[in-house]
Amino acid sequence: MKNLKKGSAASGMISSEPEVFVVPISEMTPKAMFLVSDGVTCALSDKELAELYADNVALSNNELAQVIIQTAMDRGSRDNVSCVVVSTRAMIATKTPSART
C-alpha cells in the first residue's frame, strides 16, 4: 500500500490504491515465492525463510505458510504475522502467466 502525499490533509494515512507489479516466471525463478508481512520479516531473515522452505519442501503451500507464521510468532513477533506461499513450479511447467493485466 502507498502512503498519501506528504503535506496533504490525509498525510500518513494508507491509500486504497494498490501497488501492482509483474514478476516474469522462467526456469530461473525460485520454486516458491513468499508474500509476507513485516511481522514475518522482523522475525526471520531471507536466509531463514529459505532454510524453512528447504526443511519443509514436502509440505503443502498452506502448511508451509503455517510453519512460517508459527516460527515468527515463536520468535516473539509483535506485529501482524501473515504469509502466503506461491508455488511457481506449475507456472513454469505450463507456462502460465504470473499475472494478468
N, C-alpha and C. Protein backbone atom coordinates (compact mmCIF):
# COMPACT_ATOMS: atom_id res chain seq x y z
N MET A 1 0.83 -1.17 0.00
CA MET A 1 0.00 0.00 0.00
C MET A 1 0.88 1.24 0.00
N LYS A 2 0.34 2.30 -0.51
CA LYS A 2 1.10 3.54 -0.59
C LYS A 2 0.61 4.53 0.44
N ASN A 3 1.53 5.31 0.96
CA ASN A 3 1.15 6.45 1.78
C ASN A 3 0.75 7.59 0.86
N LEU A 4 -0.18 8.42 1.31
CA LEU A 4 -0.58 9.57 0.53
C LEU A 4 0.52 10.62 0.54
N LYS A 5 0.42 11.63 -0.36
CA LYS A 5 1.43 12.67 -0.46
C LYS A 5 1.70 13.33 0.88
N LYS A 6 2.97 13.54 1.17
CA LYS A 6 3.34 14.24 2.40
C LYS A 6 2.85 15.67 2.32
N GLY A 7 2.37 16.17 3.43
CA GLY A 7 1.89 17.54 3.48
C GLY A 7 0.41 17.67 3.18
N SER A 8 -0.21 16.62 2.67
CA SER A 8 -1.64 16.69 2.39
C SER A 8 -2.41 16.53 3.70
N ALA A 9 -3.71 16.86 3.65
CA ALA A 9 -4.54 16.76 4.85
C ALA A 9 -4.58 15.33 5.37
N ALA A 10 -4.44 14.36 4.48
CA ALA A 10 -4.52 12.95 4.87
C ALA A 10 -3.14 12.32 4.96
N SER A 11 -2.10 13.14 5.06
CA SER A 11 -0.73 12.64 5.11
C SER A 11 -0.57 11.58 6.19
N GLY A 12 0.11 10.49 5.86
CA GLY A 12 0.34 9.41 6.81
C GLY A 12 -0.73 8.35 6.79
N MET A 13 -1.85 8.62 6.13
CA MET A 13 -2.91 7.61 6.03
C MET A 13 -2.56 6.63 4.92
N ILE A 14 -3.18 5.51 4.93
CA ILE A 14 -2.93 4.49 3.92
C ILE A 14 -3.90 4.66 2.77
N SER A 15 -3.41 4.56 1.56
CA SER A 15 -4.22 4.68 0.36
C SER A 15 -4.78 3.32 -0.02
N SER A 16 -5.95 3.31 -0.62
CA SER A 16 -6.52 2.05 -1.10
C SER A 16 -6.05 1.73 -2.51
N GLU A 17 -5.22 2.60 -3.09
CA GLU A 17 -4.68 2.36 -4.43
C GLU A 17 -3.54 1.36 -4.33
N PRO A 18 -3.69 0.18 -4.93
CA PRO A 18 -2.65 -0.85 -4.78
C PRO A 18 -1.42 -0.55 -5.62
N GLU A 19 -0.29 -1.07 -5.18
CA GLU A 19 0.93 -1.07 -5.99
C GLU A 19 0.98 -2.44 -6.65
N VAL A 20 0.98 -2.47 -7.97
CA VAL A 20 0.95 -3.74 -8.70
C VAL A 20 2.20 -3.83 -9.56
N PHE A 21 2.84 -5.00 -9.55
CA PHE A 21 3.97 -5.23 -10.42
C PHE A 21 3.93 -6.68 -10.89
N VAL A 22 4.57 -6.93 -12.01
CA VAL A 22 4.58 -8.26 -12.62
C VAL A 22 5.97 -8.86 -12.44
N VAL A 23 6.01 -10.11 -12.03
CA VAL A 23 7.26 -10.83 -11.90
C VAL A 23 7.27 -11.91 -12.99
N PRO A 24 8.14 -11.77 -13.99
CA PRO A 24 8.19 -12.79 -15.04
C PRO A 24 8.61 -14.15 -14.46
N ILE A 25 7.98 -15.20 -14.93
CA ILE A 25 8.28 -16.55 -14.48
C ILE A 25 9.10 -17.26 -15.56
N SER A 26 10.24 -17.84 -15.15
CA SER A 26 11.08 -18.58 -16.08
C SER A 26 11.71 -19.75 -15.34
N GLU A 27 12.52 -20.51 -16.05
CA GLU A 27 13.20 -21.64 -15.42
C GLU A 27 14.14 -21.19 -14.32
N MET A 28 14.55 -19.91 -14.32
CA MET A 28 15.46 -19.37 -13.32
C MET A 28 14.72 -18.89 -12.07
N THR A 29 13.41 -18.88 -12.12
CA THR A 29 12.60 -18.43 -10.99
C THR A 29 12.69 -19.44 -9.85
N PRO A 30 12.80 -18.97 -8.61
CA PRO A 30 12.78 -19.91 -7.48
C PRO A 30 11.50 -20.76 -7.51
N LYS A 31 11.53 -21.90 -6.85
CA LYS A 31 10.39 -22.83 -6.87
C LYS A 31 9.20 -22.30 -6.10
N ALA A 32 9.42 -21.34 -5.22
CA ALA A 32 8.32 -20.76 -4.45
C ALA A 32 8.65 -19.31 -4.13
N MET A 33 7.60 -18.53 -3.97
CA MET A 33 7.74 -17.15 -3.53
C MET A 33 6.90 -16.97 -2.27
N PHE A 34 7.40 -16.18 -1.36
CA PHE A 34 6.68 -15.91 -0.12
C PHE A 34 6.20 -14.46 -0.14
N LEU A 35 4.94 -14.26 0.13
CA LEU A 35 4.39 -12.92 0.32
C LEU A 35 4.13 -12.82 1.82
N VAL A 36 4.92 -12.00 2.50
CA VAL A 36 4.85 -11.95 3.96
C VAL A 36 4.70 -10.52 4.45
N SER A 37 4.13 -10.39 5.63
CA SER A 37 4.01 -9.09 6.27
C SER A 37 5.29 -8.79 7.05
N ASP A 38 5.39 -7.55 7.52
CA ASP A 38 6.58 -7.17 8.27
C ASP A 38 6.67 -7.89 9.60
N GLY A 39 5.59 -8.48 10.07
CA GLY A 39 5.65 -9.30 11.27
C GLY A 39 6.50 -10.54 11.07
N VAL A 40 6.61 -10.99 9.83
CA VAL A 40 7.48 -12.12 9.50
C VAL A 40 8.91 -11.63 9.27
N THR A 41 9.06 -10.57 8.48
CA THR A 41 10.41 -10.12 8.13
C THR A 41 11.17 -9.53 9.30
N CYS A 42 10.46 -9.07 10.34
CA CYS A 42 11.18 -8.57 11.51
C CYS A 42 11.67 -9.73 12.39
N ALA A 43 11.11 -10.92 12.18
CA ALA A 43 11.49 -12.07 13.00
C ALA A 43 12.38 -13.07 12.26
N LEU A 44 12.29 -13.10 10.94
CA LEU A 44 13.03 -14.08 10.14
C LEU A 44 13.77 -13.40 9.00
N SER A 45 15.01 -13.78 8.79
CA SER A 45 15.79 -13.26 7.67
C SER A 45 15.42 -14.01 6.39
N ASP A 46 15.86 -13.48 5.26
CA ASP A 46 15.64 -14.17 3.98
C ASP A 46 16.27 -15.56 4.02
N LYS A 47 17.47 -15.64 4.60
CA LYS A 47 18.17 -16.93 4.70
C LYS A 47 17.36 -17.91 5.53
N GLU A 48 16.79 -17.45 6.65
CA GLU A 48 15.99 -18.33 7.50
C GLU A 48 14.71 -18.78 6.78
N LEU A 49 14.10 -17.90 6.00
CA LEU A 49 12.92 -18.30 5.21
C LEU A 49 13.30 -19.38 4.20
N ALA A 50 14.45 -19.21 3.55
CA ALA A 50 14.92 -20.21 2.58
C ALA A 50 15.19 -21.55 3.28
N GLU A 51 15.75 -21.50 4.48
CA GLU A 51 16.01 -22.73 5.23
C GLU A 51 14.70 -23.40 5.65
N LEU A 52 13.71 -22.61 6.06
CA LEU A 52 12.40 -23.18 6.41
C LEU A 52 11.79 -23.88 5.19
N TYR A 53 11.94 -23.26 4.02
CA TYR A 53 11.43 -23.88 2.79
C TYR A 53 12.16 -25.20 2.53
N ALA A 54 13.48 -25.18 2.59
CA ALA A 54 14.27 -26.38 2.30
C ALA A 54 13.95 -27.51 3.28
N ASP A 55 13.74 -27.16 4.55
CA ASP A 55 13.46 -28.16 5.57
C ASP A 55 12.04 -28.71 5.50
N ASN A 56 11.15 -27.99 4.80
CA ASN A 56 9.73 -28.37 4.78
C ASN A 56 9.19 -28.45 3.36
N VAL A 57 10.04 -28.78 2.40
CA VAL A 57 9.66 -28.76 0.99
C VAL A 57 8.52 -29.74 0.67
N ALA A 58 8.33 -30.78 1.47
CA ALA A 58 7.27 -31.75 1.21
C ALA A 58 5.89 -31.26 1.65
N LEU A 59 5.85 -30.16 2.40
CA LEU A 59 4.57 -29.65 2.89
C LEU A 59 3.80 -28.94 1.78
N SER A 60 2.49 -28.84 1.95
CA SER A 60 1.69 -28.05 1.02
C SER A 60 2.00 -26.57 1.25
N ASN A 61 1.59 -25.72 0.32
CA ASN A 61 1.81 -24.29 0.47
C ASN A 61 1.17 -23.78 1.76
N ASN A 62 -0.04 -24.22 2.06
CA ASN A 62 -0.74 -23.78 3.26
C ASN A 62 -0.01 -24.23 4.52
N GLU A 63 0.45 -25.48 4.53
CA GLU A 63 1.18 -25.99 5.70
C GLU A 63 2.50 -25.23 5.90
N LEU A 64 3.19 -24.93 4.80
CA LEU A 64 4.44 -24.19 4.90
C LEU A 64 4.18 -22.78 5.42
N ALA A 65 3.13 -22.14 4.94
CA ALA A 65 2.77 -20.81 5.44
C ALA A 65 2.52 -20.85 6.94
N GLN A 66 1.85 -21.89 7.41
CA GLN A 66 1.60 -22.03 8.85
C GLN A 66 2.89 -22.21 9.63
N VAL A 67 3.85 -22.95 9.08
CA VAL A 67 5.15 -23.13 9.74
C VAL A 67 5.87 -21.77 9.84
N ILE A 68 5.83 -21.00 8.77
CA ILE A 68 6.49 -19.69 8.76
C ILE A 68 5.83 -18.76 9.78
N ILE A 69 4.51 -18.73 9.79
CA ILE A 69 3.77 -17.89 10.75
C ILE A 69 4.09 -18.30 12.18
N GLN A 70 4.05 -19.58 12.46
CA GLN A 70 4.30 -20.06 13.82
C GLN A 70 5.74 -19.76 14.26
N THR A 71 6.68 -19.91 13.33
CA THR A 71 8.08 -19.63 13.66
C THR A 71 8.26 -18.15 14.00
N ALA A 72 7.65 -17.27 13.22
CA ALA A 72 7.73 -15.83 13.51
C ALA A 72 7.10 -15.51 14.86
N MET A 73 5.97 -16.13 15.15
CA MET A 73 5.31 -15.90 16.43
C MET A 73 6.15 -16.44 17.58
N ASP A 74 6.75 -17.62 17.39
CA ASP A 74 7.62 -18.21 18.41
C ASP A 74 8.83 -17.33 18.70
N ARG A 75 9.25 -16.58 17.69
CA ARG A 75 10.39 -15.67 17.86
C ARG A 75 9.99 -14.35 18.50
N GLY A 76 8.70 -14.22 18.83
CA GLY A 76 8.24 -13.04 19.55
C GLY A 76 7.78 -11.88 18.70
N SER A 77 7.46 -12.11 17.42
CA SER A 77 6.97 -11.02 16.58
C SER A 77 5.73 -10.41 17.22
N ARG A 78 5.71 -9.10 17.30
CA ARG A 78 4.59 -8.39 17.92
C ARG A 78 3.71 -7.71 16.87
N ASP A 79 4.07 -7.86 15.63
CA ASP A 79 3.33 -7.21 14.54
C ASP A 79 2.41 -8.23 13.87
N ASN A 80 1.62 -7.77 12.91
CA ASN A 80 0.77 -8.65 12.12
C ASN A 80 1.66 -9.68 11.42
N VAL A 81 1.35 -10.95 11.60
CA VAL A 81 2.14 -12.02 11.01
C VAL A 81 1.29 -12.72 9.97
N SER A 82 1.61 -12.47 8.69
CA SER A 82 0.85 -13.04 7.58
C SER A 82 1.81 -13.64 6.57
N CYS A 83 1.37 -14.71 5.91
CA CYS A 83 2.23 -15.36 4.91
C CYS A 83 1.36 -16.08 3.88
N VAL A 84 1.73 -15.91 2.61
CA VAL A 84 1.15 -16.68 1.51
C VAL A 84 2.32 -17.27 0.76
N VAL A 85 2.26 -18.57 0.50
CA VAL A 85 3.30 -19.25 -0.28
C VAL A 85 2.75 -19.50 -1.68
N VAL A 86 3.48 -19.02 -2.69
CA VAL A 86 3.08 -19.19 -4.08
C VAL A 86 4.07 -20.13 -4.74
N SER A 87 3.59 -21.27 -5.19
CA SER A 87 4.44 -22.23 -5.89
C SER A 87 4.54 -21.83 -7.35
N THR A 88 5.76 -21.75 -7.85
CA THR A 88 5.96 -21.37 -9.26
C THR A 88 6.22 -22.58 -10.14
N ARG A 89 6.38 -23.76 -9.55
CA ARG A 89 6.69 -24.95 -10.35
C ARG A 89 5.64 -25.23 -11.41
N ALA A 90 4.36 -25.17 -11.04
CA ALA A 90 3.29 -25.44 -12.00
C ALA A 90 3.23 -24.35 -13.06
N MET A 91 3.51 -23.10 -12.66
CA MET A 91 3.51 -22.00 -13.62
C MET A 91 4.57 -22.20 -14.68
N ILE A 92 5.74 -22.65 -14.26
CA ILE A 92 6.84 -22.87 -15.20
C ILE A 92 6.51 -24.04 -16.14
N ALA A 93 5.96 -25.12 -15.57
CA ALA A 93 5.65 -26.31 -16.37
C ALA A 93 4.59 -26.02 -17.43
N THR A 94 3.61 -25.20 -17.09
CA THR A 94 2.51 -24.92 -18.03
C THR A 94 2.67 -23.60 -18.74
N LYS A 95 3.73 -22.85 -18.38
CA LYS A 95 3.99 -21.53 -18.94
C LYS A 95 2.81 -20.59 -18.76
N THR A 96 2.16 -20.71 -17.60
CA THR A 96 1.06 -19.84 -17.24
C THR A 96 1.61 -18.47 -16.86
N PRO A 97 0.99 -17.37 -17.35
CA PRO A 97 1.49 -16.05 -16.96
C PRO A 97 1.40 -15.86 -15.45
N SER A 98 2.35 -15.10 -14.89
CA SER A 98 2.39 -14.88 -13.44
C SER A 98 1.31 -13.91 -13.00
N ALA A 99 0.86 -13.04 -13.88
CA ALA A 99 -0.20 -12.09 -13.52
C ALA A 99 -0.93 -11.68 -14.78
N ARG A 100 -2.15 -11.34 -14.62
CA ARG A 100 -2.93 -10.84 -15.76
C ARG A 100 -3.19 -9.36 -15.55
N THR A 101 -3.11 -8.61 -16.63
CA THR A 101 -3.35 -7.17 -16.53
C THR A 101 -4.66 -6.80 -17.16
